[in-house]
């Protein structure tokens, strides 16, 4: 077992705040509002929210329970934990899970850099008073080399925390997450006070049931819930290696999933209230939605373009702007350090020192993140490919539990003598049947319609940023790499 395997979170609060640090991040504040806007219908985005909430129960929480159980049992990283559960020859599945999370880390660090830049911008410059000014700041930033610089800075900061171990991660999250929640509540109060904000809330929660006929909505809802909660990333599995034996898996999983999704809804209310409240007097609802959907590729600039305008309308808005982007930076940073820790833990298990592993991962993270920092289309491609890749990760976690035995897993690894809440048989049904059906149905449905209807002329082109071919091609590269290196990692672990 790895040298640092005896490390533990000092308290249940430290565990939950650290896991919420995984879950509550820019996926809630930056990604969720723009995905909701992208998938809203003419009447509203409420149908998307319904699909999204369905996957909280039918995907995220069951997989989070599995991750907690697997990680606490093995006390290792994602490859070592899967190997211990179902055999070393299948450790490559854990490798793929880790590869997906690490690939997300490459461009997630770029987003964290954006947050840090906007924090500094809010401290040093006047807030933009209108859309043109806000868009100019966004465009000028991405037209310079600054995204690469801030990507570098944030990776260095993450490495400094991770290199010191889980106790350092726990201490940081005990400060970051409560601070973020306080800032979001203050922002919500002001957003709701804007004239016209009610129209944004009404749109957000009004269902347009016709949109549920589109498989893209369900695919986006599943991947967003995985993004929201951190389910199937392997991140919770990694932190579970430091979980105390007396900490309850089932309770912790529900606290993680429900608490996280509440923050996502809170962030969406803030953003939708801001945009509708800011533009409602000059634009129709359809025009406002068009703006929300075109704020950068796939709406990537939504939070960064619109939040500064919210603060510009406030008394003392400069202070609130600083606090918000400080909180957003905290959120991004807490999630980033969990991604670095996941990759580091794999190499520590294989016999590398924590210091060397952290330096190696951070250097690689910076290098492979540069293309996303320089090109927003490449960034959007990576977000698309590996966001969908989380479905495959979920399938592998489900497969691992099924191979071990769902009943045995539930009784031996979850419902331990220390557990206050006993997990019921419903969980076995979801893991054994529902999750595999979700993966197969949504992927086959999406691929068929992409080839037949959505992009019949480009679905087979691996260089098209949003084609079926680019997704499958990059997944195959990842699978080949993790299969090839699985034996070397396992051999390294045995030698250590």
Protein backbone atom coordinates (compact mmCIF):
# COMPACT_ATOMS: atom_id res chain seq x y z
CA UNK A 1 0.00 0.00 0.00
CA UNK A 2 1.21 3.54 -0.74
CA UNK A 3 3.22 5.33 1.88
CA UNK A 4 0.61 8.04 2.46
CA UNK A 5 -2.32 5.58 2.57
CA UNK A 6 -2.82 6.10 6.32
CA UNK A 7 -3.83 9.72 5.82
CA UNK A 8 -7.45 10.47 6.75
CA UNK A 9 -9.80 13.41 6.81
CA UNK A 10 -9.83 14.75 10.36
CA UNK A 11 -13.63 15.07 10.55
CA UNK A 12 -16.91 14.38 8.72
CA UNK A 13 -17.14 18.14 8.05
CA UNK A 14 -13.72 18.08 6.42
CA UNK A 15 -14.77 15.15 4.22
CA UNK A 16 -18.07 16.71 3.12
CA UNK A 17 -16.59 20.15 2.46
CA UNK A 18 -13.75 18.62 0.48
CA UNK A 19 -16.12 16.46 -1.58
CA UNK A 20 -18.37 19.49 -2.08
CA UNK A 21 -15.19 21.20 -3.21
CA UNK A 22 -15.13 18.60 -6.00
CA UNK A 23 -18.81 19.00 -6.77
CA UNK A 24 -19.41 22.71 -6.20
CA UNK A 25 -17.30 24.48 -8.75
CA UNK A 26 -17.50 26.19 -12.07
CA UNK A 27 -19.64 23.26 -13.22
CA UNK A 28 -22.39 24.81 -11.11
CA UNK A 29 -21.76 28.51 -11.59
CA UNK A 30 -20.22 28.65 -15.06
CA UNK A 31 -21.41 25.52 -16.86
CA UNK A 32 -24.91 24.78 -15.54
CA UNK A 33 -26.57 28.12 -16.41
CA UNK A 34 -25.21 28.07 -19.97
CA UNK A 35 -26.23 24.42 -20.52
CA UNK A 36 -29.73 25.23 -19.25
CA UNK A 37 -29.90 28.18 -21.66
CA UNK A 38 -28.62 26.06 -24.54
CA UNK A 39 -31.28 23.41 -23.93
CA UNK A 40 -34.28 25.60 -23.18
CA UNK A 41 -37.27 25.59 -25.52
CA UNK A 42 -39.46 28.45 -26.67
CA UNK A 43 -41.52 28.32 -23.48
CA UNK A 44 -38.79 27.65 -20.96
CA UNK A 45 -35.95 25.49 -19.65
CA UNK A 46 -37.99 23.64 -17.02
CA UNK A 47 -38.13 20.38 -19.01
CA UNK A 48 -34.34 20.28 -19.06
CA UNK A 49 -34.36 20.72 -15.27
CA UNK A 50 -36.72 17.75 -14.96
CA UNK A 51 -34.39 15.53 -16.98
CA UNK A 52 -31.43 16.86 -15.00
CA UNK A 53 -33.08 16.04 -11.65
CA UNK A 54 -34.04 12.56 -12.89
CA UNK A 55 -30.38 11.81 -13.47
CA UNK A 56 -29.51 12.94 -9.94
CA UNK A 57 -31.41 9.89 -8.67
CA UNK A 58 -30.88 7.57 -11.62
CA UNK A 59 -27.18 8.31 -12.22
CA UNK A 60 -25.26 10.61 -9.90
CA UNK A 61 -26.17 9.51 -6.38
CA UNK A 62 -25.96 5.74 -7.12
CA UNK A 63 -22.54 6.18 -8.72
CA UNK A 64 -21.34 8.45 -5.90
CA UNK A 65 -22.31 5.69 -3.44
CA UNK A 66 -20.30 3.23 -5.54
CA UNK A 67 -17.28 5.55 -5.61
CA UNK A 68 -17.36 6.08 -1.85
CA UNK A 69 -17.54 2.32 -1.28
CA UNK A 70 -14.78 1.43 -3.76
CA UNK A 71 -12.38 4.13 -2.57
CA UNK A 72 -12.85 3.54 1.15
CA UNK A 73 -12.40 -0.20 0.68
CA UNK A 74 -9.14 -0.07 -1.29
CA UNK A 75 -7.59 3.13 0.13
CA UNK A 76 -5.92 3.66 -3.26
CA UNK A 77 -6.26 5.74 -6.40
CA UNK A 78 -8.71 4.99 -9.18
CA UNK A 79 -6.59 2.33 -10.95
CA UNK A 80 -5.53 0.56 -7.76
CA UNK A 81 -9.08 0.62 -6.38
CA UNK A 82 -10.66 -0.90 -9.50
CA UNK A 83 -7.83 -3.47 -9.69
CA UNK A 84 -8.41 -4.52 -6.08
CA UNK A 85 -12.16 -4.82 -6.66
CA UNK A 86 -12.26 -6.85 -9.89
CA UNK A 87 -8.68 -7.85 -10.72
CA UNK A 88 -5.51 -6.27 -12.07
CA UNK A 89 -6.27 -7.21 -15.68
CA UNK A 90 -9.25 -4.86 -15.57
CA UNK A 91 -7.35 -2.00 -13.98
CA UNK A 92 -7.39 -0.27 -17.38
CA UNK A 93 -11.03 0.61 -16.70
CA UNK A 94 -9.90 2.65 -13.74
CA UNK A 95 -7.25 4.08 -16.03
CA UNK A 96 -9.90 5.29 -18.47
CA UNK A 97 -11.91 6.87 -15.66
CA UNK A 98 -8.78 8.66 -14.50
CA UNK A 99 -7.88 9.65 -18.07
CA UNK A 100 -11.28 11.31 -18.58
CA UNK A 101 -10.99 13.29 -15.35
CA UNK A 102 -7.42 14.29 -16.19
CA UNK A 103 -8.39 15.33 -19.73
CA UNK A 104 -11.06 17.54 -18.15
CA UNK A 105 -8.41 18.91 -15.80
CA UNK A 106 -6.39 20.14 -18.78
CA UNK A 107 -9.07 22.62 -19.82
CA UNK A 108 -10.69 23.05 -16.41
CA UNK A 109 -7.50 24.72 -15.24
CA UNK A 110 -8.01 27.17 -18.11
CA UNK A 111 -11.48 28.04 -16.73
CA UNK A 112 -9.98 28.49 -13.26
CA UNK A 113 -7.50 30.88 -14.87
CA UNK A 114 -10.40 32.87 -16.35
CA UNK A 115 -11.87 33.15 -12.85
CA UNK A 116 -8.59 34.44 -11.43
CA UNK A 117 -8.25 36.97 -14.26
CA UNK A 118 -11.75 38.32 -13.67
CA UNK A 119 -11.04 38.54 -9.95
CA UNK A 120 -8.03 40.75 -10.68
CA UNK A 121 -10.00 42.68 -13.31
CA UNK A 122 -12.77 43.40 -10.79
CA UNK A 123 -10.21 44.73 -8.29
CA UNK A 124 -8.24 46.92 -10.69
CA UNK A 125 -10.74 48.20 -13.27
CA UNK A 126 -14.17 49.79 -13.56
CA UNK A 127 -17.07 47.39 -14.02
CA UNK A 128 -18.54 47.23 -17.54
CA UNK A 129 -21.79 49.15 -17.76
CA UNK A 130 -23.23 47.43 -20.82
CA UNK A 131 -23.02 44.37 -23.05
CA UNK A 132 -20.52 45.91 -25.49
CA UNK A 133 -18.06 46.80 -22.74
CA UNK A 134 -18.38 43.39 -21.08
CA UNK A 135 -17.92 41.58 -24.39
CA UNK A 136 -14.89 43.71 -25.22
CA UNK A 137 -13.18 42.69 -21.96
CA UNK A 138 -13.90 39.02 -22.74
CA UNK A 139 -12.70 39.27 -26.35
CA UNK A 140 -9.55 41.26 -25.49
CA UNK A 141 -8.61 38.74 -22.82
CA UNK A 142 -8.92 35.82 -25.24
CA UNK A 143 -7.14 37.72 -27.97
CA UNK A 144 -4.03 37.94 -25.80
CA UNK A 145 -1.65 35.44 -24.23
CA UNK A 146 -3.12 36.01 -20.77
CA UNK A 147 -5.24 32.82 -20.69
CA UNK A 148 -2.03 30.77 -20.93
CA UNK A 149 -0.39 32.80 -18.15
CA UNK A 150 -3.33 32.42 -15.78
CA UNK A 151 -3.62 28.73 -16.66
CA UNK A 152 0.03 28.38 -15.59
CA UNK A 153 -0.47 30.30 -12.34
CA UNK A 154 -3.49 28.27 -11.30
CA UNK A 155 -1.72 24.95 -11.98
CA UNK A 156 1.22 26.04 -9.84
CA UNK A 157 -1.13 27.04 -7.01
CA UNK A 158 -2.91 23.69 -7.23
CA UNK A 159 0.38 21.81 -7.14
CA UNK A 160 1.48 23.64 -3.99
CA UNK A 161 -1.64 22.46 -2.14
CA UNK A 162 -1.63 18.86 -3.42
CA UNK A 163 2.05 18.30 -2.75
CA UNK A 164 1.35 18.74 0.97
CA UNK A 165 -1.24 15.95 1.12
CA UNK A 166 -4.86 15.51 2.15
CA UNK A 167 -4.61 17.56 5.35
CA UNK A 168 -3.69 20.62 3.29
CA UNK A 169 -6.57 19.95 0.87
CA UNK A 170 -9.00 19.64 3.80
CA UNK A 171 -7.86 22.91 5.41
CA UNK A 172 -8.19 24.82 2.14
CA UNK A 173 -11.71 23.53 1.48
CA UNK A 174 -12.89 24.44 4.97
CA UNK A 175 -12.25 28.05 3.98
CA UNK A 176 -13.14 28.02 0.29
CA UNK A 177 -16.57 26.37 0.26
CA UNK A 178 -18.30 28.34 3.08
CA UNK A 179 -16.89 31.56 1.60
CA UNK A 180 -18.32 30.69 -1.80
CA UNK A 181 -21.79 29.96 -0.40
CA UNK A 182 -21.94 33.27 1.46
CA UNK A 183 -21.01 35.21 -1.67
CA UNK A 184 -23.61 33.36 -3.77
CA UNK A 185 -26.36 34.17 -1.29
CA UNK A 186 -25.43 37.87 -1.36
CA UNK A 187 -25.44 37.79 -5.17
CA UNK A 188 -28.85 36.08 -5.22
CA UNK A 189 -30.43 38.77 -3.05
CA UNK A 190 -29.24 41.50 -5.38
CA UNK A 191 -30.14 39.59 -8.56
CA UNK A 192 -33.72 39.11 -7.39
CA UNK A 193 -34.04 42.83 -6.73
CA UNK A 194 -33.47 43.70 -10.40
CA UNK A 195 -36.56 44.84 -12.29
CA UNK A 196 -37.47 42.16 -14.80
CA UNK A 197 -35.58 39.39 -12.99
CA UNK A 198 -38.84 37.51 -12.49
CA UNK A 199 -39.06 36.85 -16.24
CA UNK A 200 -35.72 35.05 -16.10
CA UNK A 201 -36.84 32.87 -13.20
CA UNK A 202 -40.13 32.16 -14.96
CA UNK A 203 -38.30 31.03 -18.10
CA UNK A 204 -35.84 28.91 -16.12
CA UNK A 205 -38.59 26.92 -14.36
CA UNK A 206 -41.29 26.80 -17.09
CA UNK A 207 -41.22 23.42 -18.86
CA UNK A 208 -41.39 23.11 -22.63
CA UNK A 209 -42.21 19.40 -22.73
CA UNK A 210 -41.67 19.14 -26.48
CA UNK A 211 -37.90 19.50 -25.93
CA UNK A 212 -37.78 16.11 -24.21
CA UNK A 213 -38.26 14.46 -27.60
CA UNK A 214 -34.71 15.47 -28.48
CA UNK A 215 -32.09 12.93 -27.25
CA UNK A 216 -29.58 15.76 -27.04
CA UNK A 217 -31.53 17.16 -24.06
CA UNK A 218 -31.22 13.89 -22.16
CA UNK A 219 -27.55 13.51 -23.06
CA UNK A 220 -26.83 17.07 -21.92
CA UNK A 221 -28.87 16.55 -18.73
CA UNK A 222 -26.92 13.42 -17.82
CA UNK A 223 -23.49 14.85 -18.57
CA UNK A 224 -24.35 18.08 -16.74
CA UNK A 225 -25.47 16.19 -13.65
CA UNK A 226 -22.23 14.24 -13.79
CA UNK A 227 -20.41 17.57 -14.15
CA UNK A 228 -22.39 19.06 -11.27
CA UNK A 229 -21.87 16.30 -8.76
CA UNK A 230 -18.53 14.84 -9.81
CA UNK A 231 -20.19 11.43 -10.30
CA UNK A 232 -18.12 8.91 -12.29
CA UNK A 233 -15.08 11.18 -12.45
CA UNK A 234 -13.15 9.04 -9.98
CA UNK A 235 -12.58 12.16 -7.88
CA UNK A 236 -14.90 11.10 -5.07
CA UNK A 237 -13.37 7.63 -5.23
CA UNK A 238 -9.95 9.21 -4.73
CA UNK A 239 -11.04 11.30 -1.74
CA UNK A 240 -12.86 8.27 -0.30
CA UNK A 241 -9.44 6.65 0.12
CA UNK A 242 -8.96 9.14 2.98
CA UNK A 243 -12.47 8.59 4.41
CA UNK A 244 -12.77 7.46 8.02
CA UNK A 245 -14.29 4.01 8.53
CA UNK A 246 -17.10 5.41 10.69
CA UNK A 247 -18.25 7.93 8.03
CA UNK A 248 -21.57 6.84 6.51
CA UNK A 249 -21.38 6.24 2.74
CA UNK A 250 -25.10 6.59 1.97
CA UNK A 251 -25.61 9.78 3.96
CA UNK A 252 -22.44 11.31 2.53
CA UNK A 253 -23.57 10.52 -1.03
CA UNK A 254 -26.96 12.18 -0.61
CA UNK A 255 -25.40 15.19 1.11
CA UNK A 256 -23.00 15.52 -1.81
CA UNK A 257 -25.58 15.13 -4.58
CA UNK A 258 -28.49 17.12 -3.18
CA UNK A 259 -26.35 19.90 -1.71
CA UNK A 260 -24.49 20.31 -4.95
CA UNK A 261 -27.61 20.48 -7.14
CA UNK A 262 -29.13 23.12 -4.87
CA UNK A 263 -26.08 25.28 -5.55
CA UNK A 264 -26.50 24.74 -9.30
CA UNK A 265 -30.10 25.96 -9.16
CA UNK A 266 -29.01 28.91 -7.05
CA UNK A 267 -26.39 29.85 -9.64
CA UNK A 268 -28.88 29.49 -12.50
CA UNK A 269 -31.38 31.76 -10.74
CA UNK A 270 -28.65 34.38 -10.30
CA UNK A 271 -27.55 34.26 -13.94
CA UNK A 272 -31.03 34.13 -15.51
CA UNK A 273 -32.25 36.91 -13.21
CA UNK A 274 -29.24 39.01 -14.15
CA UNK A 275 -29.58 38.62 -17.91
CA UNK A 276 -33.35 39.12 -18.05
CA UNK A 277 -33.19 41.93 -15.49
CA UNK A 278 -30.42 43.70 -17.42
CA UNK A 279 -31.84 43.33 -20.94
CA UNK A 280 -35.58 42.97 -20.30
CA UNK A 281 -36.34 46.63 -20.97
CA UNK A 282 -34.67 46.64 -24.40
CA UNK A 283 -35.07 43.09 -25.77
CA UNK A 284 -37.75 40.42 -26.11
CA UNK A 285 -37.38 37.10 -24.31
CA UNK A 286 -36.31 35.34 -27.53
CA UNK A 287 -33.65 37.99 -28.19
CA UNK A 288 -32.34 37.67 -24.64
CA UNK A 289 -32.06 33.90 -25.04
CA UNK A 290 -30.20 34.32 -28.30
CA UNK A 291 -27.68 36.50 -26.46
CA UNK A 292 -27.32 33.93 -23.67
CA UNK A 293 -26.74 31.13 -26.15
CA UNK A 294 -24.10 33.03 -28.12
CA UNK A 295 -21.94 34.40 -25.30
CA UNK A 296 -18.79 32.73 -26.55
CA UNK A 297 -18.61 29.23 -28.14
CA UNK A 298 -21.39 27.11 -26.58
CA UNK A 299 -22.16 30.03 -24.25
CA UNK A 300 -18.79 29.81 -22.49
CA UNK A 301 -18.73 33.52 -21.74
CA UNK A 302 -22.14 33.64 -20.05
CA UNK A 303 -21.01 33.98 -16.46
CA UNK A 304 -18.03 36.17 -17.29
CA UNK A 305 -19.94 38.56 -19.54
CA UNK A 306 -23.09 38.94 -17.48
CA UNK A 307 -22.04 38.83 -13.83
CA UNK A 308 -19.94 42.02 -14.08
CA UNK A 309 -23.02 43.80 -15.44
CA UNK A 310 -25.04 42.62 -12.46
CA UNK A 311 -22.53 44.16 -10.10
CA UNK A 312 -22.43 47.39 -12.12
CA UNK A 313 -26.09 47.94 -11.18
CA UNK A 314 -25.42 47.55 -7.45
CA UNK A 315 -24.64 50.08 -4.78
CA UNK A 316 -21.16 48.97 -3.77
CA UNK A 317 -21.10 46.69 -6.79
CA UNK A 318 -17.32 46.79 -6.99
CA UNK A 319 -17.05 45.06 -3.63
CA UNK A 320 -19.61 42.43 -4.61
CA UNK A 321 -17.80 41.84 -7.90
CA UNK A 322 -14.57 41.15 -6.05
CA UNK A 323 -16.34 38.81 -3.64
CA UNK A 324 -18.13 36.93 -6.41
CA UNK A 325 -15.08 36.30 -8.55
CA UNK A 326 -13.13 35.46 -5.41
CA UNK A 327 -15.80 32.86 -4.64
CA UNK A 328 -15.82 31.62 -8.23
CA UNK A 329 -12.04 31.29 -8.16
CA UNK A 330 -12.32 29.39 -4.88
CA UNK A 331 -14.89 27.05 -6.45
CA UNK A 332 -12.75 26.41 -9.51
CA UNK A 333 -9.63 25.93 -7.44
CA UNK A 334 -11.20 23.46 -4.99
CA UNK A 335 -12.35 21.29 -7.90
CA UNK A 336 -9.02 21.58 -9.69
CA UNK A 337 -7.00 20.34 -6.73
CA UNK A 338 -9.20 17.22 -6.58
CA UNK A 339 -8.40 16.53 -10.25
CA UNK A 340 -4.68 16.97 -9.61
CA UNK A 341 -4.94 14.71 -6.56
CA UNK A 342 -6.66 11.98 -8.59
CA UNK A 343 -3.79 11.77 -11.07
CA UNK A 344 -1.13 12.16 -8.38
CA UNK A 345 -2.64 9.34 -6.29
CA UNK A 346 -2.34 6.94 -9.25
CA UNK A 347 1.40 7.59 -9.54
CA UNK A 348 1.90 7.50 -5.76
CA UNK A 349 0.26 4.06 -5.73
CA UNK A 350 2.71 3.01 -8.44
CA UNK A 351 5.66 3.91 -6.22
CA UNK A 352 6.45 7.51 -7.15
CA UNK A 353 6.93 10.07 -4.37
CA UNK A 354 4.10 12.56 -3.88
CA UNK A 355 6.41 15.46 -4.68
CA UNK A 356 7.62 14.01 -8.00
CA UNK A 357 4.12 12.87 -8.97
CA UNK A 358 2.65 16.31 -8.30
CA UNK A 359 5.32 18.12 -10.29
CA UNK A 360 4.91 15.69 -13.19
CA UNK A 361 1.11 16.02 -13.27
CA UNK A 362 1.16 19.81 -13.00
CA UNK A 363 3.71 20.19 -15.80
CA UNK A 364 1.69 17.82 -18.00
CA UNK A 365 -1.54 19.60 -17.04
CA UNK A 366 -0.12 22.94 -18.07
CA UNK A 367 1.32 21.66 -21.35
CA UNK A 368 -1.82 19.81 -22.48
CA UNK A 369 -4.05 22.69 -21.41
CA UNK A 370 -2.34 25.26 -23.62
CA UNK A 371 -4.41 24.47 -26.76
CA UNK A 372 -7.65 25.09 -24.83
CA UNK A 373 -6.22 28.32 -23.42
CA UNK A 374 -5.39 29.56 -26.91
CA UNK A 375 -8.43 28.40 -28.87
CA UNK A 376 -12.03 28.43 -27.61
CA UNK A 377 -13.17 26.05 -30.37
CA UNK A 378 -10.61 23.48 -29.22
CA UNK A 379 -11.75 24.16 -25.66
CA UNK A 380 -15.40 23.52 -26.61
CA UNK A 381 -14.37 20.29 -28.39
CA UNK A 382 -12.65 18.97 -25.26
CA UNK A 383 -15.62 19.93 -23.10
CA UNK A 384 -17.86 18.03 -25.52
CA UNK A 385 -15.69 14.90 -25.91
CA UNK A 386 -14.86 14.31 -22.26
CA UNK A 387 -18.20 15.50 -20.92
CA UNK A 388 -19.84 12.69 -22.91
CA UNK A 389 -16.93 10.46 -21.87
CA UNK A 390 -18.21 10.61 -18.30
CA UNK A 391 -20.99 8.28 -19.43
CA UNK A 392 -18.41 5.62 -20.30
CA UNK A 393 -16.71 6.21 -16.95
CA UNK A 394 -20.05 5.64 -15.25
CA UNK A 395 -20.51 2.43 -17.21
CA UNK A 396 -17.12 1.16 -16.05
CA UNK A 397 -17.89 1.92 -12.39
CA UNK A 398 -21.24 0.16 -12.77
CA UNK A 399 -19.49 -2.81 -14.42
CA UNK A 400 -16.97 -3.01 -11.58
CA UNK A 401 -19.72 -3.14 -8.96
CA UNK A 402 -21.73 -5.72 -10.95
CA UNK A 403 -18.62 -7.89 -11.40
CA UNK A 404 -17.91 -7.75 -7.67
CA UNK A 405 -21.57 -8.49 -6.90
CA UNK A 406 -24.09 -5.74 -6.23
CA UNK A 407 -25.56 -7.40 -3.13
CA UNK A 408 -22.11 -8.21 -1.73
CA UNK A 409 -20.97 -4.64 -2.45
CA UNK A 410 -23.99 -3.15 -0.71
CA UNK A 411 -23.79 -5.36 2.38
CA UNK A 412 -20.00 -5.50 2.82
CA UNK A 413 -18.68 -2.17 1.54
CA UNK A 414 -21.59 0.23 2.14
CA UNK A 415 -23.79 -1.16 4.93
CA UNK A 416 -20.96 -1.69 7.38
CA UNK A 417 -21.43 -2.07 11.13
CA UNK A 418 -20.68 1.64 11.56
CA UNK A 419 -23.34 2.77 9.03
CA UNK A 420 -26.26 4.63 10.57
CA UNK A 421 -28.32 4.50 7.36
CA UNK A 422 -28.63 1.21 5.51
CA UNK A 423 -28.68 1.34 1.72
CA UNK A 424 -31.71 -0.39 0.22
CA UNK A 425 -32.09 -2.77 -2.70
CA UNK A 426 -33.24 0.06 -5.00
CA UNK A 427 -29.58 0.98 -5.44
CA UNK A 428 -28.76 -2.46 -6.84
CA UNK A 429 -31.51 -2.14 -9.47
CA UNK A 430 -30.17 1.23 -10.64
CA UNK A 431 -26.51 0.16 -10.74
CA UNK A 432 -27.20 -3.22 -12.33
CA UNK A 433 -29.86 -2.30 -14.85
CA UNK A 434 -30.66 1.42 -15.11
CA UNK A 435 -27.13 2.82 -15.49
CA UNK A 436 -26.13 0.38 -18.30
CA UNK A 437 -29.42 1.03 -20.10
CA UNK A 438 -28.89 4.79 -19.79
CA UNK A 439 -25.42 4.56 -21.27
CA UNK A 440 -26.32 2.27 -24.16
CA UNK A 441 -29.61 3.98 -25.03
CA UNK A 442 -28.35 7.56 -24.95
CA UNK A 443 -25.08 6.87 -26.77
CA UNK A 444 -26.65 4.78 -29.53
CA UNK A 445 -29.54 7.24 -29.87
CA UNK A 446 -27.22 10.21 -30.06
CA UNK A 447 -24.83 8.57 -32.55
CA UNK A 448 -27.64 7.45 -34.84
CA UNK A 449 -29.34 10.84 -34.96
CA UNK A 450 -26.01 12.63 -35.34
CA UNK A 451 -25.21 10.54 -38.42
CA UNK A 452 -28.73 10.56 -39.84
CA UNK A 453 -30.10 14.01 -38.97
CA UNK A 454 -27.85 16.40 -37.04
CA UNK A 455 -24.64 16.21 -39.07
CA UNK A 456 -25.01 13.76 -41.96
CA UNK A 457 -22.17 15.44 -43.85
CA UNK A 458 -19.61 15.63 -41.03
CA UNK A 459 -20.36 12.94 -38.42
CA UNK A 460 -17.53 10.78 -39.81
CA UNK A 461 -14.97 13.61 -39.84
CA UNK A 462 -12.66 13.34 -36.78
CA UNK A 463 -11.51 16.93 -37.32
CA UNK A 464 -15.01 18.34 -36.99
CA UNK A 465 -15.08 19.59 -33.36
CA UNK A 466 -18.56 18.24 -32.61
CA UNK A 467 -18.77 15.04 -34.68
CA UNK A 468 -19.29 11.45 -33.60
CA UNK A 469 -15.92 10.59 -35.11
CA UNK A 470 -13.97 13.06 -32.96
CA UNK A 471 -15.56 11.63 -29.81
CA UNK A 472 -14.95 7.97 -30.68
CA UNK A 473 -11.48 8.72 -32.03
CA UNK A 474 -10.30 10.44 -28.85
CA UNK A 475 -11.89 7.78 -26.66
CA UNK A 476 -10.08 5.04 -28.60
CA UNK A 477 -6.75 6.82 -28.16
CA UNK A 478 -7.42 7.01 -24.42
CA UNK A 479 -8.41 3.34 -24.21
CA UNK A 480 -5.31 2.19 -26.08
CA UNK A 481 -3.04 4.27 -23.84
CA UNK A 482 -4.55 3.12 -20.55
CA UNK A 483 -4.59 -0.53 -21.69
CA UNK A 484 -0.93 -0.32 -22.74
CA UNK A 485 0.25 1.40 -19.55
CA UNK A 486 -1.94 -0.63 -17.17
CA UNK A 487 0.63 -3.42 -16.85
CA UNK A 488 3.44 -0.95 -16.26
CA UNK A 489 1.50 0.87 -13.52
CA UNK A 490 0.50 -2.39 -11.84
CA UNK A 491 4.10 -3.63 -12.09
CA UNK A 492 5.34 -0.40 -10.53
CA UNK A 493 2.84 -0.78 -7.70
CA UNK A 494 3.96 -4.35 -7.06
CA UNK A 495 7.63 -3.34 -7.05
CA UNK A 496 6.99 -0.60 -4.52
